[in-house]
C-alpha atoms as a PDB file:
ATOM      1  CA  GLN A   1       8.582  28.207   8.970  1.00  0.00           C
ATOM      2  CA  VAL A   2       7.343  25.667   6.629  1.00  0.00           C
ATOM      3  CA  GLN A   3       6.764  22.128   6.977  1.00  0.00           C
ATOM      4  CA  LEU A   4       6.574  20.162   3.866  1.00  0.00           C
ATOM      5  CA  VAL A   5       4.535  16.234   3.841  1.00  0.00           C
ATOM      6  CA  GLU A   6       4.363  14.317   1.131  1.00  0.00           C
ATOM      7  CA  SER A   7       3.004  11.628  -0.323  1.00  0.00           C
ATOM      8  CA  GLY A   8       0.942   9.347  -2.526  1.00  0.00           C
ATOM      9  CA  GLY A   9       4.492   7.340  -3.422  1.00  0.00           C
ATOM     10  CA  GLY A  10       4.721   3.456  -4.412  1.00  0.00           C
ATOM     11  CA  LEU A  11       5.685   0.533  -6.613  1.00  0.00           C
ATOM     12  CA  VAL A  12       4.502   0.923 -10.169  1.00  0.00           C
ATOM     13  CA  GLN A  13       5.302  -0.719 -13.031  1.00  0.00           C
ATOM     14  CA  PRO A  14       6.439   0.981 -15.834  1.00  0.00           C
ATOM     15  CA  GLY A  15       4.115   3.033 -18.173  1.00  0.00           C
ATOM     16  CA  GLY A  16       1.926   3.362 -14.988  1.00  0.00           C
ATOM     17  CA  SER A  17       1.087   6.530 -13.376  1.00  0.00           C
ATOM     18  CA  LEU A  18       0.894   8.071  -9.743  1.00  0.00           C
ATOM     19  CA  ARG A  19       0.757  11.432  -8.293  1.00  0.00           C
ATOM     20  CA  LEU A  20       2.628  12.317  -5.354  1.00  0.00           C
ATOM     21  CA  SER A  21       1.328  15.602  -3.294  1.00  0.00           C
ATOM     22  CA  CYS A  22       2.826  17.969  -0.983  1.00  0.00           C
ATOM     23  CA  ALA A  23       0.889  19.049   2.260  1.00  0.00           C
ATOM     24  CA  ALA A  24       2.304  22.820   3.348  1.00  0.00           C
ATOM     25  CA  SER A  25       1.662  24.448   6.640  1.00  0.00           C
ATOM     26  CA  GLY A  26       3.007  27.041   8.559  1.00  0.00           C
ATOM     27  CA  SER A  27       3.774  30.313   6.488  1.00  0.00           C
ATOM     28  CA  ILE A  28       2.396  31.589   3.409  1.00  0.00           C
ATOM     29  CA  PHE A  29       2.448  29.539   0.651  1.00  0.00           C
ATOM     30  CA  SER A  30       1.029  31.549  -2.158  1.00  0.00           C
ATOM     31  CA  THR A  31       4.461  33.581  -1.775  1.00  0.00           C
ATOM     32  CA  PHE A  32       6.873  30.514  -2.404  1.00  0.00           C
ATOM     33  CA  THR A  33       8.387  28.609  -5.577  1.00  0.00           C
ATOM     34  CA  MET A  34       7.658  24.959  -5.214  1.00  0.00           C
ATOM     35  CA  GLY A  35       9.250  21.865  -6.424  1.00  0.00           C
ATOM     36  CA  TRP A  36       9.920  18.297  -6.300  1.00  0.00           C
ATOM     37  CA  TYR A  37      13.573  16.962  -6.423  1.00  0.00           C
ATOM     38  CA  ARG A  38      14.507  13.477  -6.412  1.00  0.00           C
ATOM     39  CA  GLN A  39      17.569  11.421  -5.413  1.00  0.00           C
ATOM     40  CA  ALA A  40      18.129   8.240  -6.826  1.00  0.00           C
ATOM     41  CA  PRO A  41      20.855   5.538  -5.279  1.00  0.00           C
ATOM     42  CA  GLY A  42      24.223   6.853  -5.909  1.00  0.00           C
ATOM     43  CA  LYS A  43      23.431   9.803  -7.680  1.00  0.00           C
ATOM     44  CA  GLN A  44      23.122  12.984  -6.804  1.00  0.00           C
ATOM     45  CA  ARG A  45      19.578  15.153  -6.181  1.00  0.00           C
ATOM     46  CA  GLU A  46      17.774  16.871  -8.851  1.00  0.00           C
ATOM     47  CA  LEU A  47      15.655  18.779  -9.535  1.00  0.00           C
ATOM     48  CA  VAL A  48      12.360  17.145 -11.405  1.00  0.00           C
ATOM     49  CA  ALA A  49       9.600  20.433 -12.051  1.00  0.00           C
ATOM     50  CA  GLN A  50       9.043  23.675 -10.007  1.00  0.00           C
ATOM     51  CA  ILE A  51       6.069  26.159 -10.043  1.00  0.00           C
ATOM     52  CA  THR A  52       6.929  29.888  -9.332  1.00  0.00           C
ATOM     53  CA  ARG A  53       4.126  31.922  -7.151  1.00  0.00           C
ATOM     54  CA  GLY A  54       3.376  33.328 -10.884  1.00  0.00           C
ATOM     55  CA  ASP A  55       2.475  29.819 -12.051  1.00  0.00           C
ATOM     56  CA  ILE A  56       5.323  29.479 -14.261  1.00  0.00           C
ATOM     57  CA  THR A  57       6.620  26.066 -14.944  1.00  0.00           C
ATOM     58  CA  ASN A  58       9.658  24.568 -15.396  1.00  0.00           C
ATOM     59  CA  TYR A  59      10.777  20.341 -15.786  1.00  0.00           C
ATOM     60  CA  ALA A  60      13.760  17.983 -15.771  1.00  0.00           C
ATOM     61  CA  THR A  61      14.690  17.493 -19.915  1.00  0.00           C
ATOM     62  CA  SER A  62      14.010  13.378 -18.853  1.00  0.00           C
ATOM     63  CA  VAL A  63      10.455  14.140 -17.556  1.00  0.00           C
ATOM     64  CA  LYS A  64       9.020  17.103 -19.933  1.00  0.00           C
ATOM     65  CA  GLY A  65       5.947  15.589 -21.658  1.00  0.00           C
ATOM     66  CA  ARG A  66       5.611  12.917 -18.815  1.00  0.00           C
ATOM     67  CA  PHE A  67       4.816  15.061 -15.576  1.00  0.00           C
ATOM     68  CA  THR A  68       2.817  17.499 -14.715  1.00  0.00           C
ATOM     69  CA  ILE A  69       3.551  19.920 -12.042  1.00  0.00           C
ATOM     70  CA  SER A  70       0.872  22.133 -10.024  1.00  0.00           C
ATOM     71  CA  ARG A  71      -0.330  23.893  -7.279  1.00  0.00           C
ATOM     72  CA  ASP A  72      -3.952  24.158  -5.447  1.00  0.00           C
ATOM     73  CA  TYR A  73      -3.504  27.872  -3.208  1.00  0.00           C
ATOM     74  CA  ALA A  74      -6.974  26.814  -1.044  1.00  0.00           C
ATOM     75  CA  LYS A  75      -5.214  23.753  -0.353  1.00  0.00           C
ATOM     76  CA  ASN A  76      -1.845  24.862   0.314  1.00  0.00           C
ATOM     77  CA  THR A  77      -1.054  22.077  -1.604  1.00  0.00           C
ATOM     78  CA  VAL A  78       1.674  21.486  -4.649  1.00  0.00           C
ATOM     79  CA  TYR A  79       1.352  18.291  -7.108  1.00  0.00           C
ATOM     80  CA  LEU A  80       3.198  16.306  -9.449  1.00  0.00           C
ATOM     81  CA  GLN A  81       1.623  13.902 -11.732  1.00  0.00           C
ATOM     82  CA  MET A  82       3.742  11.080 -13.204  1.00  0.00           C
ATOM     83  CA  ASN A  83       2.517   9.259 -16.037  1.00  0.00           C
ATOM     84  CA  SER A  84       4.565   6.797 -18.411  1.00  0.00           C
ATOM     85  CA  LEU A  85       6.770   5.953 -15.377  1.00  0.00           C
ATOM     86  CA  LYS A  86      10.230   4.332 -16.633  1.00  0.00           C
ATOM     87  CA  LEU A  87      12.950   1.872 -14.631  1.00  0.00           C
ATOM     88  CA  GLU A  88      14.753   5.578 -14.241  1.00  0.00           C
ATOM     89  CA  ASP A  89      12.268   7.568 -12.672  1.00  0.00           C
ATOM     90  CA  THR A  90      13.176   4.943  -9.214  1.00  0.00           C
ATOM     91  CA  ALA A  91      13.794   7.597  -6.625  1.00  0.00           C
ATOM     92  CA  VAL A  92      13.090   9.380  -2.970  1.00  0.00           C
ATOM     93  CA  TYR A  93      10.758  12.722  -4.657  1.00  0.00           C
ATOM     94  CA  TYR A  94      11.464  15.868  -2.215  1.00  0.00           C
ATOM     95  CA  CYS A  95       9.460  18.272  -1.967  1.00  0.00           C
ATOM     96  CA  ASN A  96      10.865  21.530  -1.646  1.00  0.00           C
ATOM     97  CA  ALA A  97       9.607  24.892  -0.803  1.00  0.00           C
ATOM     98  CA  GLN A  98      11.645  28.221  -1.303  1.00  0.00           C
ATOM     99  CA  ASN A  99      11.782  32.149  -1.554  1.00  0.00           C
ATOM    100  CA  ILE A 100      14.454  35.052  -1.581  1.00  0.00           C
ATOM    101  CA  ILE A 101      14.889  34.288   2.065  1.00  0.00           C
ATOM    102  CA  ALA A 102      14.633  30.185   3.284  1.00  0.00           C
ATOM    103  CA  ARG A 103      14.236  26.558   1.869  1.00  0.00           C
ATOM    104  CA  TYR A 104      12.932  24.049   2.940  1.00  0.00           C
ATOM    105  CA  TRP A 105      12.770  20.155   2.631  1.00  0.00           C
ATOM    106  CA  GLY A 106       9.806  17.289   3.069  1.00  0.00           C
ATOM    107  CA  GLN A 107      11.455  14.133   4.311  1.00  0.00           C
ATOM    108  CA  GLY A 108      10.625  12.375   1.244  1.00  0.00           C
ATOM    109  CA  THR A 109       8.647   9.450  -0.805  1.00  0.00           C
ATOM    110  CA  GLN A 110       9.653   6.338  -2.741  1.00  0.00           C
ATOM    111  CA  VAL A 111       8.870   6.228  -5.622  1.00  0.00           C
ATOM    112  CA  THR A 112       9.953   2.204  -7.355  1.00  0.00           C
ATOM    113  CA  VAL A 113       9.243   1.805 -10.661  1.00  0.00           C
ATOM    114  CA  SER A 114       9.444  -2.471 -11.239  1.00  0.00           C
ATOM    115  CA  LEU A 115       7.814  -5.058 -13.155  1.00  0.00           C
END
């Protein structure tokens, strides 16, 4: 199994930046597609960004050009660099790891964009 622990969330002003980290343990990190999802109050959880085991990246239209997902195989960690943050980015951000067999979730980290 895989255990995922997110960190790096917090309060930031519009236009600011945050970097989220997701540390994975318990399985073979390199075989998983990693992703970041978010869920805002009253809204459905949505995919923000993902990166495959071949380092192919995909982004939600709403964050493309502002967010960057990356992974460090040596550290078993995936990152989400969030720049030019908007009020609409406020949500709980969840780390996800998945392959053909299973899917795992972190407990989430709160990102609040506010004046």
